[in-house]
Amino acid sequence: MQFSKSSDYALHALIHLGYSERCNNVGIKELSGALGVSESYLSKIMSKLRQDGIVRAMPGVNGGYELARPADQITFLDVIQVIEGRQHLFECSNTSSQQHQFLAEEGAAQRDRKRLGKNVCLIEKVMDGAEQQLHQYLREHTLQSVLDEAFKRCTHEANKK
């Protein structure tokens, strides 16, 4: 499993916006220069983030983008789901195979007999558990947690001098 470059750019752009809150908004030219990505590509990413309410677009000559919510209310999961989509990472595609039937029967034999009719793919069950763990981890990390860590590192480096 690999996240797309779009997720990478989206997260970096949002961190840049979170760090730049002092000037309220950042233009696409500044953002694309800071990230080393084309303005048109980044505009598409920012448009998705705007449509989902993560950023606000400020019109006008001095316009740009700003975070639509405080950085501590924007999780990594929010961003990843906007960019990558909200579909499941794993789908059991082998439900008609003999092996799947065996696994479903074995699982059903060990479960409550009331749910015997439901063919649960045991492989999908494991993969869904992994996806839930990943979602929980990404939900626990916000833009602010990254900004705080960066601030700690900068302070630590400044104290070394």
N, C-alpha and C. Protein backbone atom coordinates (compact mmCIF):
# COMPACT_ATOMS: atom_id res chain seq x y z
N MET A 1 0.85 -1.17 0.00
CA MET A 1 0.00 0.00 0.00
C MET A 1 0.89 1.24 0.00
N GLN A 2 0.52 2.17 -0.84
CA GLN A 2 1.29 3.39 -0.93
C GLN A 2 0.34 4.56 -1.17
N PHE A 3 0.54 5.63 -0.43
CA PHE A 3 -0.25 6.83 -0.65
C PHE A 3 0.32 7.57 -1.85
N SER A 4 -0.53 8.30 -2.55
CA SER A 4 -0.10 9.02 -3.75
C SER A 4 0.71 10.26 -3.39
N LYS A 5 1.39 10.78 -4.40
CA LYS A 5 2.13 12.04 -4.24
C LYS A 5 1.17 13.17 -3.89
N SER A 6 -0.06 13.08 -4.36
CA SER A 6 -1.05 14.11 -4.05
C SER A 6 -1.29 14.22 -2.55
N SER A 7 -1.30 13.09 -1.85
CA SER A 7 -1.45 13.12 -0.39
C SER A 7 -0.24 13.78 0.26
N ASP A 8 0.93 13.46 -0.24
CA ASP A 8 2.17 14.06 0.24
C ASP A 8 2.11 15.58 0.09
N TYR A 9 1.77 16.04 -1.11
CA TYR A 9 1.70 17.48 -1.37
C TYR A 9 0.61 18.15 -0.55
N ALA A 10 -0.54 17.48 -0.41
CA ALA A 10 -1.64 18.05 0.37
C ALA A 10 -1.22 18.26 1.82
N LEU A 11 -0.61 17.25 2.41
CA LEU A 11 -0.19 17.36 3.82
C LEU A 11 0.88 18.44 3.99
N HIS A 12 1.84 18.48 3.09
CA HIS A 12 2.88 19.51 3.18
C HIS A 12 2.30 20.92 2.97
N ALA A 13 1.37 21.06 2.04
CA ALA A 13 0.74 22.36 1.82
C ALA A 13 -0.03 22.80 3.05
N LEU A 14 -0.74 21.88 3.68
CA LEU A 14 -1.51 22.22 4.88
C LEU A 14 -0.60 22.59 6.05
N ILE A 15 0.51 21.89 6.18
CA ILE A 15 1.47 22.25 7.23
C ILE A 15 2.01 23.65 6.97
N HIS A 16 2.30 23.94 5.70
CA HIS A 16 2.77 25.28 5.33
C HIS A 16 1.72 26.33 5.70
N LEU A 17 0.46 26.04 5.40
CA LEU A 17 -0.62 26.97 5.76
C LEU A 17 -0.74 27.12 7.27
N GLY A 18 -0.61 26.01 7.99
CA GLY A 18 -0.69 26.06 9.45
C GLY A 18 0.43 26.87 10.05
N TYR A 19 1.61 26.74 9.47
CA TYR A 19 2.77 27.50 9.94
C TYR A 19 2.64 28.98 9.57
N SER A 20 1.97 29.26 8.47
CA SER A 20 1.86 30.62 7.95
C SER A 20 0.61 31.35 8.43
N GLU A 21 -0.05 30.83 9.44
CA GLU A 21 -1.29 31.47 9.90
C GLU A 21 -1.11 32.92 10.29
N ARG A 22 0.11 33.31 10.58
CA ARG A 22 0.37 34.69 10.95
C ARG A 22 -0.02 35.67 9.85
N CYS A 23 0.08 35.23 8.57
CA CYS A 23 -0.27 36.13 7.47
C CYS A 23 -1.62 35.75 6.86
N ASN A 24 -2.37 34.93 7.53
CA ASN A 24 -3.74 34.55 7.20
C ASN A 24 -3.89 33.68 5.96
N ASN A 25 -3.34 34.06 4.82
CA ASN A 25 -3.50 33.20 3.66
C ASN A 25 -2.23 33.19 2.82
N VAL A 26 -2.11 32.13 2.03
CA VAL A 26 -0.91 31.93 1.23
C VAL A 26 -1.36 31.68 -0.21
N GLY A 27 -0.74 32.39 -1.13
CA GLY A 27 -1.07 32.25 -2.53
C GLY A 27 -0.55 30.93 -3.11
N ILE A 28 -1.17 30.51 -4.20
CA ILE A 28 -0.80 29.24 -4.83
C ILE A 28 0.64 29.30 -5.35
N LYS A 29 1.09 30.46 -5.77
CA LYS A 29 2.46 30.62 -6.28
C LYS A 29 3.47 30.35 -5.15
N GLU A 30 3.22 30.92 -3.98
CA GLU A 30 4.12 30.69 -2.83
C GLU A 30 4.10 29.22 -2.42
N LEU A 31 2.90 28.66 -2.36
CA LEU A 31 2.78 27.25 -1.97
C LEU A 31 3.50 26.34 -2.95
N SER A 32 3.27 26.54 -4.24
CA SER A 32 3.89 25.67 -5.23
C SER A 32 5.41 25.84 -5.22
N GLY A 33 5.88 27.06 -4.98
CA GLY A 33 7.33 27.28 -4.87
C GLY A 33 7.92 26.59 -3.66
N ALA A 34 7.23 26.66 -2.55
CA ALA A 34 7.72 26.03 -1.32
C ALA A 34 7.76 24.51 -1.44
N LEU A 35 6.80 23.95 -2.19
CA LEU A 35 6.72 22.49 -2.31
C LEU A 35 7.45 21.95 -3.54
N GLY A 36 7.79 22.83 -4.47
CA GLY A 36 8.45 22.39 -5.68
C GLY A 36 7.53 21.59 -6.60
N VAL A 37 6.30 22.04 -6.72
CA VAL A 37 5.30 21.37 -7.56
C VAL A 37 4.61 22.42 -8.42
N SER A 38 4.11 22.02 -9.57
CA SER A 38 3.48 22.99 -10.47
C SER A 38 2.22 23.59 -9.84
N GLU A 39 1.96 24.84 -10.20
CA GLU A 39 0.78 25.53 -9.68
C GLU A 39 -0.51 24.82 -10.10
N SER A 40 -0.56 24.34 -11.34
CA SER A 40 -1.80 23.70 -11.82
C SER A 40 -2.08 22.40 -11.06
N TYR A 41 -1.04 21.60 -10.82
CA TYR A 41 -1.20 20.35 -10.07
C TYR A 41 -1.64 20.64 -8.64
N LEU A 42 -0.97 21.59 -8.01
CA LEU A 42 -1.30 21.93 -6.63
C LEU A 42 -2.70 22.56 -6.54
N SER A 43 -3.10 23.32 -7.55
CA SER A 43 -4.44 23.91 -7.56
C SER A 43 -5.52 22.84 -7.52
N LYS A 44 -5.31 21.74 -8.24
CA LYS A 44 -6.28 20.64 -8.22
C LYS A 44 -6.38 20.03 -6.83
N ILE A 45 -5.25 19.85 -6.18
CA ILE A 45 -5.22 19.30 -4.82
C ILE A 45 -5.94 20.24 -3.86
N MET A 46 -5.62 21.53 -3.96
CA MET A 46 -6.21 22.52 -3.06
C MET A 46 -7.72 22.63 -3.30
N SER A 47 -8.14 22.45 -4.53
CA SER A 47 -9.56 22.49 -4.85
C SER A 47 -10.30 21.36 -4.13
N LYS A 48 -9.72 20.16 -4.11
CA LYS A 48 -10.33 19.04 -3.38
C LYS A 48 -10.42 19.37 -1.89
N LEU A 49 -9.35 19.92 -1.35
CA LEU A 49 -9.34 20.27 0.08
C LEU A 49 -10.36 21.36 0.40
N ARG A 50 -10.53 22.28 -0.54
CA ARG A 50 -11.51 23.36 -0.35
C ARG A 50 -12.93 22.78 -0.39
N GLN A 51 -13.20 21.91 -1.35
CA GLN A 51 -14.53 21.32 -1.48
C GLN A 51 -14.92 20.52 -0.25
N ASP A 52 -13.94 19.97 0.44
CA ASP A 52 -14.22 19.18 1.63
C ASP A 52 -14.15 20.00 2.91
N GLY A 53 -13.93 21.30 2.80
CA GLY A 53 -13.95 22.18 3.98
C GLY A 53 -12.69 22.16 4.82
N ILE A 54 -11.57 21.74 4.24
CA ILE A 54 -10.32 21.74 5.00
C ILE A 54 -9.59 23.07 4.84
N VAL A 55 -9.69 23.66 3.65
CA VAL A 55 -9.12 24.99 3.43
C VAL A 55 -10.20 25.90 2.89
N ARG A 56 -9.92 27.20 2.99
CA ARG A 56 -10.78 28.24 2.41
C ARG A 56 -9.96 28.97 1.36
N ALA A 57 -10.59 29.29 0.25
CA ALA A 57 -9.94 30.09 -0.78
C ALA A 57 -10.34 31.54 -0.57
N MET A 58 -9.34 32.40 -0.52
CA MET A 58 -9.58 33.83 -0.34
C MET A 58 -9.40 34.51 -1.69
N PRO A 59 -10.45 35.14 -2.22
CA PRO A 59 -10.36 35.75 -3.54
C PRO A 59 -9.58 37.07 -3.53
N GLY A 60 -9.26 37.53 -4.71
CA GLY A 60 -8.64 38.84 -4.83
C GLY A 60 -7.16 38.78 -5.12
N VAL A 61 -6.59 39.97 -5.33
CA VAL A 61 -5.18 40.11 -5.67
C VAL A 61 -4.29 39.52 -4.58
N ASN A 62 -4.63 39.77 -3.34
CA ASN A 62 -3.85 39.24 -2.21
C ASN A 62 -4.45 37.96 -1.65
N GLY A 63 -5.27 37.32 -2.46
CA GLY A 63 -5.95 36.10 -2.02
C GLY A 63 -5.02 34.91 -1.97
N GLY A 64 -5.57 33.83 -1.57
CA GLY A 64 -4.81 32.59 -1.45
C GLY A 64 -5.63 31.59 -0.66
N TYR A 65 -4.94 30.73 0.04
CA TYR A 65 -5.61 29.70 0.83
C TYR A 65 -5.26 29.87 2.30
N GLU A 66 -6.20 29.46 3.14
CA GLU A 66 -5.98 29.39 4.57
C GLU A 66 -6.72 28.17 5.10
N LEU A 67 -6.31 27.71 6.27
CA LEU A 67 -7.00 26.59 6.90
C LEU A 67 -8.43 27.01 7.25
N ALA A 68 -9.38 26.15 6.97
CA ALA A 68 -10.79 26.45 7.27
C ALA A 68 -11.13 26.14 8.72
N ARG A 69 -10.30 25.32 9.37
CA ARG A 69 -10.48 24.97 10.78
C ARG A 69 -9.12 25.08 11.46
N PRO A 70 -9.11 25.15 12.77
CA PRO A 70 -7.83 25.15 13.47
C PRO A 70 -7.03 23.88 13.16
N ALA A 71 -5.71 24.01 13.16
CA ALA A 71 -4.82 22.89 12.82
C ALA A 71 -5.03 21.68 13.72
N ASP A 72 -5.45 21.90 14.96
CA ASP A 72 -5.67 20.76 15.86
C ASP A 72 -6.98 20.04 15.58
N GLN A 73 -7.76 20.54 14.64
CA GLN A 73 -9.02 19.89 14.26
C GLN A 73 -8.97 19.28 12.86
N ILE A 74 -7.78 19.23 12.28
CA ILE A 74 -7.60 18.62 10.96
C ILE A 74 -6.67 17.42 11.14
N THR A 75 -7.23 16.23 10.99
CA THR A 75 -6.43 15.02 11.19
C THR A 75 -5.83 14.56 9.87
N PHE A 76 -4.80 13.74 9.99
CA PHE A 76 -4.20 13.14 8.80
C PHE A 76 -5.24 12.30 8.06
N LEU A 77 -6.12 11.64 8.81
CA LEU A 77 -7.16 10.83 8.18
C LEU A 77 -8.09 11.70 7.34
N ASP A 78 -8.46 12.88 7.83
CA ASP A 78 -9.30 13.80 7.05
C ASP A 78 -8.68 14.06 5.68
N VAL A 79 -7.40 14.37 5.68
CA VAL A 79 -6.70 14.74 4.45
C VAL A 79 -6.56 13.54 3.52
N ILE A 80 -6.12 12.42 4.07
CA ILE A 80 -5.93 11.21 3.26
C ILE A 80 -7.24 10.79 2.61
N GLN A 81 -8.34 10.86 3.34
CA GLN A 81 -9.62 10.45 2.77
C GLN A 81 -10.10 11.39 1.67
N VAL A 82 -9.78 12.67 1.78
CA VAL A 82 -10.14 13.61 0.72
C VAL A 82 -9.35 13.29 -0.55
N ILE A 83 -8.07 13.08 -0.39
CA ILE A 83 -7.19 12.89 -1.56
C ILE A 83 -7.29 11.47 -2.12
N GLU A 84 -7.24 10.48 -1.27
CA GLU A 84 -7.22 9.08 -1.73
C GLU A 84 -8.61 8.48 -1.91
N GLY A 85 -9.60 9.08 -1.28
CA GLY A 85 -10.95 8.54 -1.34
C GLY A 85 -11.27 7.78 -0.06
N ARG A 86 -12.52 7.44 0.09
CA ARG A 86 -12.98 6.80 1.32
C ARG A 86 -13.34 5.34 1.14
N GLN A 87 -12.87 4.72 0.08
CA GLN A 87 -13.17 3.31 -0.16
C GLN A 87 -12.31 2.42 0.74
N HIS A 88 -12.75 1.18 0.89
CA HIS A 88 -11.97 0.22 1.67
C HIS A 88 -10.67 -0.10 0.94
N LEU A 89 -9.63 -0.36 1.70
CA LEU A 89 -8.33 -0.68 1.10
C LEU A 89 -8.31 -2.10 0.55
N PHE A 90 -9.14 -2.98 1.10
CA PHE A 90 -9.13 -4.38 0.68
C PHE A 90 -10.56 -4.85 0.45
N GLU A 91 -10.77 -5.52 -0.64
CA GLU A 91 -12.06 -6.14 -0.94
C GLU A 91 -11.80 -7.60 -1.25
N CYS A 92 -12.54 -8.49 -0.63
CA CYS A 92 -12.40 -9.91 -0.91
C CYS A 92 -13.00 -10.19 -2.29
N SER A 93 -12.15 -10.61 -3.20
CA SER A 93 -12.62 -10.83 -4.57
C SER A 93 -12.82 -12.31 -4.88
N ASN A 94 -12.60 -13.15 -3.91
CA ASN A 94 -12.61 -14.58 -4.16
C ASN A 94 -13.75 -15.28 -3.43
N THR A 95 -14.89 -14.63 -3.31
CA THR A 95 -15.97 -15.19 -2.49
C THR A 95 -16.58 -16.47 -3.07
N SER A 96 -16.37 -16.73 -4.35
CA SER A 96 -16.95 -17.95 -4.92
C SER A 96 -15.95 -19.10 -4.99
N SER A 97 -14.73 -18.87 -4.54
CA SER A 97 -13.73 -19.93 -4.63
C SER A 97 -13.96 -21.01 -3.56
N GLN A 98 -13.42 -22.17 -3.82
CA GLN A 98 -13.54 -23.28 -2.88
C GLN A 98 -12.82 -22.94 -1.57
N GLN A 99 -11.68 -22.29 -1.68
CA GLN A 99 -10.93 -21.93 -0.47
C GLN A 99 -11.72 -20.94 0.38
N HIS A 100 -12.37 -19.97 -0.26
CA HIS A 100 -13.17 -19.01 0.49
C HIS A 100 -14.32 -19.72 1.21
N GLN A 101 -14.98 -20.64 0.54
CA GLN A 101 -16.07 -21.38 1.16
C GLN A 101 -15.58 -22.16 2.37
N PHE A 102 -14.40 -22.77 2.25
CA PHE A 102 -13.81 -23.50 3.37
C PHE A 102 -13.54 -22.57 4.55
N LEU A 103 -12.92 -21.41 4.27
CA LEU A 103 -12.61 -20.45 5.33
C LEU A 103 -13.88 -19.92 5.98
N ALA A 104 -14.89 -19.66 5.17
CA ALA A 104 -16.15 -19.15 5.71
C ALA A 104 -16.83 -20.21 6.58
N GLU A 105 -16.79 -21.46 6.14
CA GLU A 105 -17.40 -22.54 6.93
C GLU A 105 -16.65 -22.75 8.23
N GLU A 106 -15.32 -22.73 8.18
CA GLU A 106 -14.51 -22.88 9.40
C GLU A 106 -14.81 -21.75 10.38
N GLY A 107 -14.88 -20.53 9.84
CA GLY A 107 -15.19 -19.38 10.70
C GLY A 107 -16.57 -19.47 11.30
N ALA A 108 -17.52 -19.91 10.50
CA ALA A 108 -18.90 -20.03 10.97
C ALA A 108 -19.02 -21.11 12.03
N ALA A 109 -18.27 -22.20 11.88
CA ALA A 109 -18.33 -23.29 12.85
C ALA A 109 -17.83 -22.82 14.22
N GLN A 110 -16.95 -21.87 14.22
CA GLN A 110 -16.38 -21.39 15.48
C GLN A 110 -17.18 -20.24 16.08
N ARG A 111 -18.10 -19.66 15.30
CA ARG A 111 -18.90 -18.53 15.77
C ARG A 111 -20.27 -19.00 16.25
N ASP A 112 -21.00 -18.04 16.67
CA ASP A 112 -22.38 -18.26 17.08
C ASP A 112 -23.17 -18.87 15.91
N ARG A 113 -23.92 -19.91 16.15
CA ARG A 113 -24.66 -20.61 15.09
C ARG A 113 -25.76 -19.73 14.47
N LYS A 114 -26.17 -18.68 15.13
CA LYS A 114 -27.21 -17.80 14.59
C LYS A 114 -26.75 -17.11 13.31
N ARG A 115 -25.44 -16.89 13.20
CA ARG A 115 -24.92 -16.17 12.05
C ARG A 115 -24.29 -17.13 11.03
N LEU A 116 -24.69 -18.36 11.06
CA LEU A 116 -24.10 -19.38 10.20
C LEU A 116 -24.26 -19.06 8.72
N GLY A 117 -25.37 -18.44 8.34
CA GLY A 117 -25.64 -18.19 6.93
C GLY A 117 -24.76 -17.11 6.31
N LYS A 118 -24.14 -16.29 7.09
CA LYS A 118 -23.37 -15.18 6.55
C LYS A 118 -21.94 -15.64 6.28
N ASN A 119 -21.53 -15.56 5.01
CA ASN A 119 -20.17 -15.95 4.63
C ASN A 119 -19.23 -14.76 4.82
N VAL A 120 -18.52 -14.77 5.91
CA VAL A 120 -17.56 -13.73 6.20
C VAL A 120 -16.19 -14.20 5.72
N CYS A 121 -15.56 -13.40 4.90
CA CYS A 121 -14.21 -13.74 4.45
C CYS A 121 -13.25 -13.45 5.60
N LEU A 122 -12.60 -14.48 6.10
CA LEU A 122 -11.70 -14.31 7.24
C LEU A 122 -10.48 -13.48 6.88
N ILE A 123 -10.05 -13.55 5.63
CA ILE A 123 -8.93 -12.71 5.18
C ILE A 123 -9.36 -11.25 5.20
N GLU A 124 -10.56 -10.99 4.70
CA GLU A 124 -11.06 -9.61 4.69
C GLU A 124 -11.22 -9.09 6.12
N LYS A 125 -11.60 -9.97 7.03
CA LYS A 125 -11.75 -9.57 8.44
C LYS A 125 -10.41 -9.09 9.01
N VAL A 126 -9.33 -9.80 8.70
CA VAL A 126 -7.99 -9.39 9.16
C VAL A 126 -7.60 -8.06 8.52
N MET A 127 -7.84 -7.95 7.22
CA MET A 127 -7.46 -6.73 6.50
C MET A 127 -8.29 -5.53 6.97
N ASP A 128 -9.57 -5.74 7.28
CA ASP A 128 -10.40 -4.67 7.83
C ASP A 128 -9.88 -4.22 9.19
N GLY A 129 -9.42 -5.16 10.00
CA GLY A 129 -8.84 -4.81 11.29
C GLY A 129 -7.60 -3.95 11.13
N ALA A 130 -6.77 -4.29 10.17
CA ALA A 130 -5.57 -3.50 9.89
C ALA A 130 -5.95 -2.09 9.43
N GLU A 131 -6.95 -2.02 8.58
CA GLU A 131 -7.40 -0.71 8.09
C GLU A 131 -7.94 0.15 9.24
N GLN A 132 -8.67 -0.49 10.15
CA GLN A 132 -9.19 0.25 11.31
C GLN A 132 -8.06 0.78 12.18
N GLN A 133 -7.01 -0.02 12.35
CA GLN A 133 -5.84 0.43 13.13
C GLN A 133 -5.16 1.61 12.45
N LEU A 134 -5.01 1.54 11.14
CA LEU A 134 -4.41 2.63 10.38
C LEU A 134 -5.25 3.90 10.51
N HIS A 135 -6.56 3.76 10.36
CA HIS A 135 -7.45 4.92 10.48
C HIS A 135 -7.35 5.53 11.88
N GLN A 136 -7.30 4.70 12.89
CA GLN A 136 -7.20 5.22 14.25
C GLN A 136 -5.90 6.00 14.43
N TYR A 137 -4.80 5.46 13.92
CA TYR A 137 -3.49 6.13 14.02
C TYR A 137 -3.52 7.48 13.30
N LEU A 138 -4.07 7.50 12.09
CA LEU A 138 -4.13 8.75 11.33
C LEU A 138 -5.09 9.75 11.96
N ARG A 139 -6.12 9.25 12.63
CA ARG A 139 -7.08 10.11 13.32
C ARG A 139 -6.44 10.77 14.55
N GLU A 140 -5.48 10.11 15.16
CA GLU A 140 -4.83 10.63 16.37
C GLU A 140 -3.79 11.70 16.06
N HIS A 141 -3.39 11.84 14.80
CA HIS A 141 -2.37 12.81 14.43
C HIS A 141 -3.00 13.95 13.64
N THR A 142 -2.77 15.15 14.13
CA THR A 142 -3.34 16.34 13.50
C THR A 142 -2.22 17.19 12.90
N LEU A 143 -2.62 18.17 12.12
CA LEU A 143 -1.63 19.13 11.61
C LEU A 143 -0.90 19.80 12.77
N GLN A 144 -1.65 20.11 13.82
CA GLN A 144 -1.05 20.78 14.97
C GLN A 144 0.00 19.91 15.65
N SER A 145 -0.22 18.61 15.70
CA SER A 145 0.78 17.74 16.34
C SER A 145 2.10 17.78 15.58
N VAL A 146 2.04 17.90 14.26
CA VAL A 146 3.26 18.01 13.45
C VAL A 146 3.90 19.39 13.65
N LEU A 147 3.07 20.43 13.67
CA LEU A 147 3.60 21.78 13.91
C LEU A 147 4.26 21.88 15.27
N ASP A 148 3.65 21.26 16.28
CA ASP A 148 4.23 21.27 17.63
C ASP A 148 5.58 20.56 17.65
N GLU A 149 5.66 19.42 16.97
CA GLU A 149 6.91 18.67 16.91
C GLU A 149 8.00 19.48 16.19
N ALA A 150 7.63 20.16 15.12
CA ALA A 150 8.59 20.99 14.38
C ALA A 150 9.07 22.14 15.26
N PHE A 151 8.16 22.73 16.02
CA PHE A 151 8.53 23.83 16.92
C PHE A 151 9.49 23.34 18.00
N LYS A 152 9.22 22.15 18.55
CA LYS A 152 10.11 21.58 19.57
C LYS A 152 11.51 21.37 19.01
N ARG A 153 11.59 20.85 17.80
CA ARG A 153 12.89 20.59 17.17
C ARG A 153 13.65 21.89 16.92
N CYS A 154 12.92 22.92 16.45
CA CYS A 154 13.56 24.22 16.20
C CYS A 154 14.08 24.82 17.50
N THR A 155 13.27 24.72 18.54
CA THR A 155 13.67 25.25 19.85
C THR A 155 14.88 24.49 20.38
N HIS A 156 14.87 23.18 20.22
CA HIS A 156 15.97 22.35 20.67
C HIS A 156 17.26 22.71 19.93
N GLU A 157 17.16 22.88 18.61
CA GLU A 157 18.34 23.25 17.80
C GLU A 157 18.85 24.63 18.18
N ALA A 158 17.95 25.58 18.45
CA ALA A 158 18.34 26.94 18.83
C ALA A 158 19.04 26.94 20.18
N ASN A 159 18.61 26.07 21.09
CA ASN A 159 19.24 25.98 22.41
C ASN A 159 20.61 25.35 22.36
N LYS A 160 20.89 24.56 21.32
CA LYS A 160 22.21 23.92 21.18
C LYS A 160 23.30 24.95 20.85
N LYS A 161 22.90 26.02 20.18
CA LYS A 161 23.88 27.01 19.70
C LYS A 161 24.40 27.89 20.79
